[in-house]
C-alpha atoms as a PDB file:
ATOM      1  CA  MET A   1       4.940   3.971  11.507  1.00  0.00           C
ATOM      2  CA  ILE A   2       2.513   1.148  10.676  1.00  0.00           C
ATOM      3  CA  VAL A   3       3.032  -0.291   7.201  1.00  0.00           C
ATOM      4  CA  LEU A   4       1.460  -3.012   5.064  1.00  0.00           C
ATOM      5  CA  LYS A   5       2.966  -4.911   2.152  1.00  0.00           C
ATOM      6  CA  ILE A   6       1.815  -3.922  -1.337  1.00  0.00           C
ATOM      7  CA  THR A   7       2.185  -6.477  -4.110  1.00  0.00           C
ATOM      8  CA  GLY A   8       1.279  -6.797  -7.768  1.00  0.00           C
ATOM      9  CA  SER A   9       0.055 -10.366  -7.270  1.00  0.00           C
ATOM     10  CA  SER A  10      -3.227 -11.520  -5.817  1.00  0.00           C
ATOM     11  CA  HIS A  11      -2.453 -14.237  -3.258  1.00  0.00           C
ATOM     12  CA  PHE A  12      -4.727 -14.291  -0.225  1.00  0.00           C
ATOM     13  CA  LYS A  13      -8.072 -12.883  -1.359  1.00  0.00           C
ATOM     14  CA  GLU A  14      -9.573 -12.922   2.143  1.00  0.00           C
ATOM     15  CA  PHE A  15      -6.726 -10.715   3.442  1.00  0.00           C
ATOM     16  CA  GLN A  16      -6.205  -8.298   0.541  1.00  0.00           C
ATOM     17  CA  VAL A  17      -7.555  -4.975  -0.635  1.00  0.00           C
ATOM     18  CA  GLU A  18      -7.279  -3.993  -4.299  1.00  0.00           C
ATOM     19  CA  LEU A  19      -5.390  -0.762  -4.815  1.00  0.00           C
ATOM     20  CA  GLU A  20      -5.655   1.406  -7.932  1.00  0.00           C
ATOM     21  CA  GLY A  21      -3.973   4.651  -8.910  1.00  0.00           C
ATOM     22  CA  LYS A  22      -7.118   6.635  -8.102  1.00  0.00           C
ATOM     23  CA  ASP A  23      -6.836   5.452  -4.472  1.00  0.00           C
ATOM     24  CA  LEU A  24      -3.637   7.468  -3.934  1.00  0.00           C
ATOM     25  CA  LEU A  25      -3.542  11.124  -2.993  1.00  0.00           C
ATOM     26  CA  ARG A  26      -0.236  11.617  -4.814  1.00  0.00           C
ATOM     27  CA  ARG A  27       1.876   9.607  -7.262  1.00  0.00           C
ATOM     28  CA  LYS A  28       0.644   6.797  -9.478  1.00  0.00           C
ATOM     29  CA  LEU A  29       0.764   3.024  -9.529  1.00  0.00           C
ATOM     30  CA  ARG A  30       2.263   1.324 -12.565  1.00  0.00           C
ATOM     31  CA  LYS A  31      -0.274  -1.499 -12.390  1.00  0.00           C
ATOM     32  CA  LYS A  32      -3.157  -2.810 -10.316  1.00  0.00           C
ATOM     33  CA  SER A  33      -1.819  -3.739  -6.886  1.00  0.00           C
ATOM     34  CA  PHE A  34      -3.022  -5.341  -3.687  1.00  0.00           C
ATOM     35  CA  ILE A  35      -2.550  -4.412  -0.040  1.00  0.00           C
ATOM     36  CA  ASP A  36      -1.704  -7.583   1.868  1.00  0.00           C
ATOM     37  CA  CYS A  37      -3.496  -7.127   5.209  1.00  0.00           C
ATOM     38  CA  SER A  38      -1.868 -10.286   6.570  1.00  0.00           C
ATOM     39  CA  SER A  39       1.528  -8.494   6.507  1.00  0.00           C
ATOM     40  CA  ILE A  40       1.236  -5.655   9.022  1.00  0.00           C
ATOM     41  CA  PHE A  41       4.328  -4.410  10.799  1.00  0.00           C
ATOM     42  CA  THR A  42       5.910  -1.313  12.289  1.00  0.00           C
ATOM     43  CA  VAL A  43       9.053   0.507  11.243  1.00  0.00           C
ATOM     44  CA  GLU A  44      10.862   3.489  12.727  1.00  0.00           C
ATOM     45  CA  LYS A  45       9.963   6.513  10.584  1.00  0.00           C
ATOM     46  CA  SER A  46      13.595   7.608  10.359  1.00  0.00           C
ATOM     47  CA  LEU A  47      14.420   4.349   8.531  1.00  0.00           C
ATOM     48  CA  VAL A  48      12.041   5.079   5.634  1.00  0.00           C
ATOM     49  CA  ILE A  49      14.141   5.888   2.575  1.00  0.00           C
ATOM     50  CA  LYS A  50      11.507   6.384  -0.131  1.00  0.00           C
ATOM     51  CA  SER A  51       7.757   6.840  -0.425  1.00  0.00           C
ATOM     52  CA  ILE A  52       6.019   5.426  -3.492  1.00  0.00           C
ATOM     53  CA  GLY A  53       2.667   7.069  -2.789  1.00  0.00           C
ATOM     54  CA  GLU A  54       0.350   8.432  -0.179  1.00  0.00           C
ATOM     55  CA  GLY A  55      -3.023   6.960   0.651  1.00  0.00           C
ATOM     56  CA  GLY A  56      -5.911   8.411   2.568  1.00  0.00           C
ATOM     57  CA  LEU A  57      -9.466   9.529   2.210  1.00  0.00           C
ATOM     58  CA  LYS A  58     -10.160  11.737  -0.778  1.00  0.00           C
ATOM     59  CA  ARG A  59     -12.514  14.597  -0.075  1.00  0.00           C
END
């Protein structure tokens, strides 16, 4: 599974994407957040304990 770090702080503007509650298909964000595109890594799906939301294209 490919994952990116989500943070509540704006650090590296050239490598971040703003994320709002309306951007999620399910669940809600407590506050405006940022996807840190400089922190991309992989993790074995079986190691994922909890999902805080689900992104994707809304149709």
